[in-house]
C-alpha atoms as a PDB file:
ATOM      1  CA  ASN A   1     -25.869 -12.081 -71.328  1.00  0.00           C
ATOM      2  CA  ASP A   2     -28.803 -10.318 -72.835  1.00  0.00           C
ATOM      3  CA  GLN A   3     -28.197  -7.379 -75.164  1.00  0.00           C
ATOM      4  CA  MET A   4     -29.999  -5.130 -72.685  1.00  0.00           C
ATOM      5  CA  VAL A   5     -27.445  -6.005 -69.981  1.00  0.00           C
ATOM      6  CA  GLU A   6     -24.561  -5.506 -72.418  1.00  0.00           C
ATOM      7  CA  SER A   7     -25.901  -2.081 -73.345  1.00  0.00           C
ATOM      8  CA  ALA A   8     -26.584  -1.065 -69.731  1.00  0.00           C
ATOM      9  CA  THR A   9     -23.119  -2.088 -68.530  1.00  0.00           C
ATOM     10  CA  ALA A  10     -21.427  -0.300 -71.451  1.00  0.00           C
ATOM     11  CA  LYS A  11     -23.365   2.910 -70.727  1.00  0.00           C
ATOM     12  CA  LEU A  12     -22.598   2.688 -67.006  1.00  0.00           C
ATOM     13  CA  ALA A  13     -18.888   2.182 -67.732  1.00  0.00           C
ATOM     14  CA  GLU A  14     -18.895   5.186 -70.039  1.00  0.00           C
ATOM     15  CA  ARG A  15     -20.495   7.406 -67.400  1.00  0.00           C
ATOM     16  CA  VAL A  16     -18.273   6.336 -64.501  1.00  0.00           C
ATOM     17  CA  ALA A  17     -15.101   6.500 -66.606  1.00  0.00           C
ATOM     18  CA  ALA A  18     -15.645  10.268 -66.744  1.00  0.00           C
ATOM     19  CA  GLU A  19     -14.869  10.483 -63.014  1.00  0.00           C
ATOM     20  CA  PRO A  20     -11.428  11.855 -62.082  1.00  0.00           C
ATOM     21  CA  ASP A  21     -10.131   8.644 -60.470  1.00  0.00           C
ATOM     22  CA  LEU A  22     -11.007   5.021 -59.795  1.00  0.00           C
ATOM     23  CA  PRO A  23     -12.426   5.499 -56.276  1.00  0.00           C
ATOM     24  CA  ALA A  24     -14.772   8.204 -57.579  1.00  0.00           C
ATOM     25  CA  ALA A  25     -15.764   5.963 -60.498  1.00  0.00           C
ATOM     26  CA  ALA A  26     -16.512   3.068 -58.157  1.00  0.00           C
ATOM     27  CA  ARG A  27     -18.539   5.273 -55.820  1.00  0.00           C
ATOM     28  CA  ARG A  28     -20.590   6.552 -58.753  1.00  0.00           C
ATOM     29  CA  ALA A  29     -21.131   3.019 -60.072  1.00  0.00           C
ATOM     30  CA  PHE A  30     -22.451   1.912 -56.684  1.00  0.00           C
ATOM     31  CA  ARG A  31     -24.725   4.945 -56.361  1.00  0.00           C
ATOM     32  CA  GLU A  32     -26.149   4.490 -59.854  1.00  0.00           C
ATOM     33  CA  THR A  33     -26.761   0.751 -59.556  1.00  0.00           C
ATOM     34  CA  ILE A  34     -27.730   0.085 -55.947  1.00  0.00           C
ATOM     35  CA  GLY A  35     -28.383   3.576 -54.664  1.00  0.00           C
ATOM     36  CA  ARG A  36     -25.747   3.771 -51.968  1.00  0.00           C
ATOM     37  CA  PRO A  37     -22.017   4.376 -51.637  1.00  0.00           C
ATOM     38  CA  PRO A  38     -19.716   1.369 -51.345  1.00  0.00           C
ATOM     39  CA  THR A  39     -18.350   0.315 -47.990  1.00  0.00           C
ATOM     40  CA  SER A  40     -14.599   0.678 -47.584  1.00  0.00           C
ATOM     41  CA  ILE A  41     -14.207  -3.065 -48.223  1.00  0.00           C
ATOM     42  CA  GLU A  42     -16.342  -2.882 -51.368  1.00  0.00           C
ATOM     43  CA  LEU A  43     -14.361   0.122 -52.585  1.00  0.00           C
ATOM     44  CA  ASP A  44     -11.079  -1.742 -52.028  1.00  0.00           C
ATOM     45  CA  ARG A  45     -12.409  -4.794 -53.858  1.00  0.00           C
ATOM     46  CA  ALA A  46     -13.676  -2.710 -56.772  1.00  0.00           C
ATOM     47  CA  ALA A  47     -10.294  -0.989 -57.066  1.00  0.00           C
ATOM     48  CA  SER A  48      -8.516  -4.329 -56.912  1.00  0.00           C
ATOM     49  CA  TYR A  49     -10.856  -5.795 -59.529  1.00  0.00           C
ATOM     50  CA  VAL A  50     -10.480  -2.913 -61.975  1.00  0.00           C
ATOM     51  CA  ALA A  51      -6.755  -2.595 -61.150  1.00  0.00           C
ATOM     52  CA  GLY A  52      -6.263   0.509 -63.276  1.00  0.00           C
ATOM     53  CA  ASP A  53      -7.798  -1.055 -66.402  1.00  0.00           C
ATOM     54  CA  ASN A  54     -10.796   1.115 -67.305  1.00  0.00           C
ATOM     55  CA  SER A  55     -12.016  -1.558 -69.713  1.00  0.00           C
ATOM     56  CA  ARG A  56     -12.965  -3.552 -66.596  1.00  0.00           C
ATOM     57  CA  LEU A  57     -15.452  -0.883 -65.504  1.00  0.00           C
ATOM     58  CA  LYS A  58     -18.020  -2.565 -67.746  1.00  0.00           C
ATOM     59  CA  ASP A  59     -17.410  -5.842 -65.906  1.00  0.00           C
ATOM     60  CA  LEU A  60     -17.719  -4.042 -62.565  1.00  0.00           C
ATOM     61  CA  GLY A  61     -21.120  -2.801 -63.722  1.00  0.00           C
ATOM     62  CA  TRP A  62     -22.117  -6.357 -64.589  1.00  0.00           C
ATOM     63  CA  LEU A  63     -21.093  -7.472 -61.100  1.00  0.00           C
ATOM     64  CA  LEU A  64     -23.100  -4.678 -59.478  1.00  0.00           C
ATOM     65  CA  TYR A  65     -26.185  -5.411 -61.584  1.00  0.00           C
ATOM     66  CA  ASN A  66     -26.021  -8.987 -60.316  1.00  0.00           C
ATOM     67  CA  LEU A  67     -25.864  -8.177 -56.608  1.00  0.00           C
ATOM     68  CA  ASP A  68     -28.856  -9.253 -54.554  1.00  0.00           C
ATOM     69  CA  GLU A  69     -29.262  -5.605 -53.556  1.00  0.00           C
ATOM     70  CA  PHE A  70     -29.912  -4.678 -57.171  1.00  0.00           C
ATOM     71  CA  LEU A  71     -32.084  -7.672 -57.945  1.00  0.00           C
ATOM     72  CA  PHE A  72     -34.430  -7.499 -54.973  1.00  0.00           C
ATOM     73  CA  ILE A  73     -36.326  -4.460 -53.804  1.00  0.00           C
ATOM     74  CA  LYS A  74     -36.729  -4.355 -50.059  1.00  0.00           C
END
């Protein structure tokens, strides 16, 4: 876990935590990392993963940054 990734995930978590609720935060995280809204399944999984604990938003960012969609430009 490079310091750059740690910094990027912390900044992402800070930005999305400003959203009014978890679904809005997850939608923003998806838009900012992979440029599209989450599917309903992805939104459910993100909500389940974070489970009301905003400290897990940083980990959600880490997960999104590691998706193939983020890593490979089509």
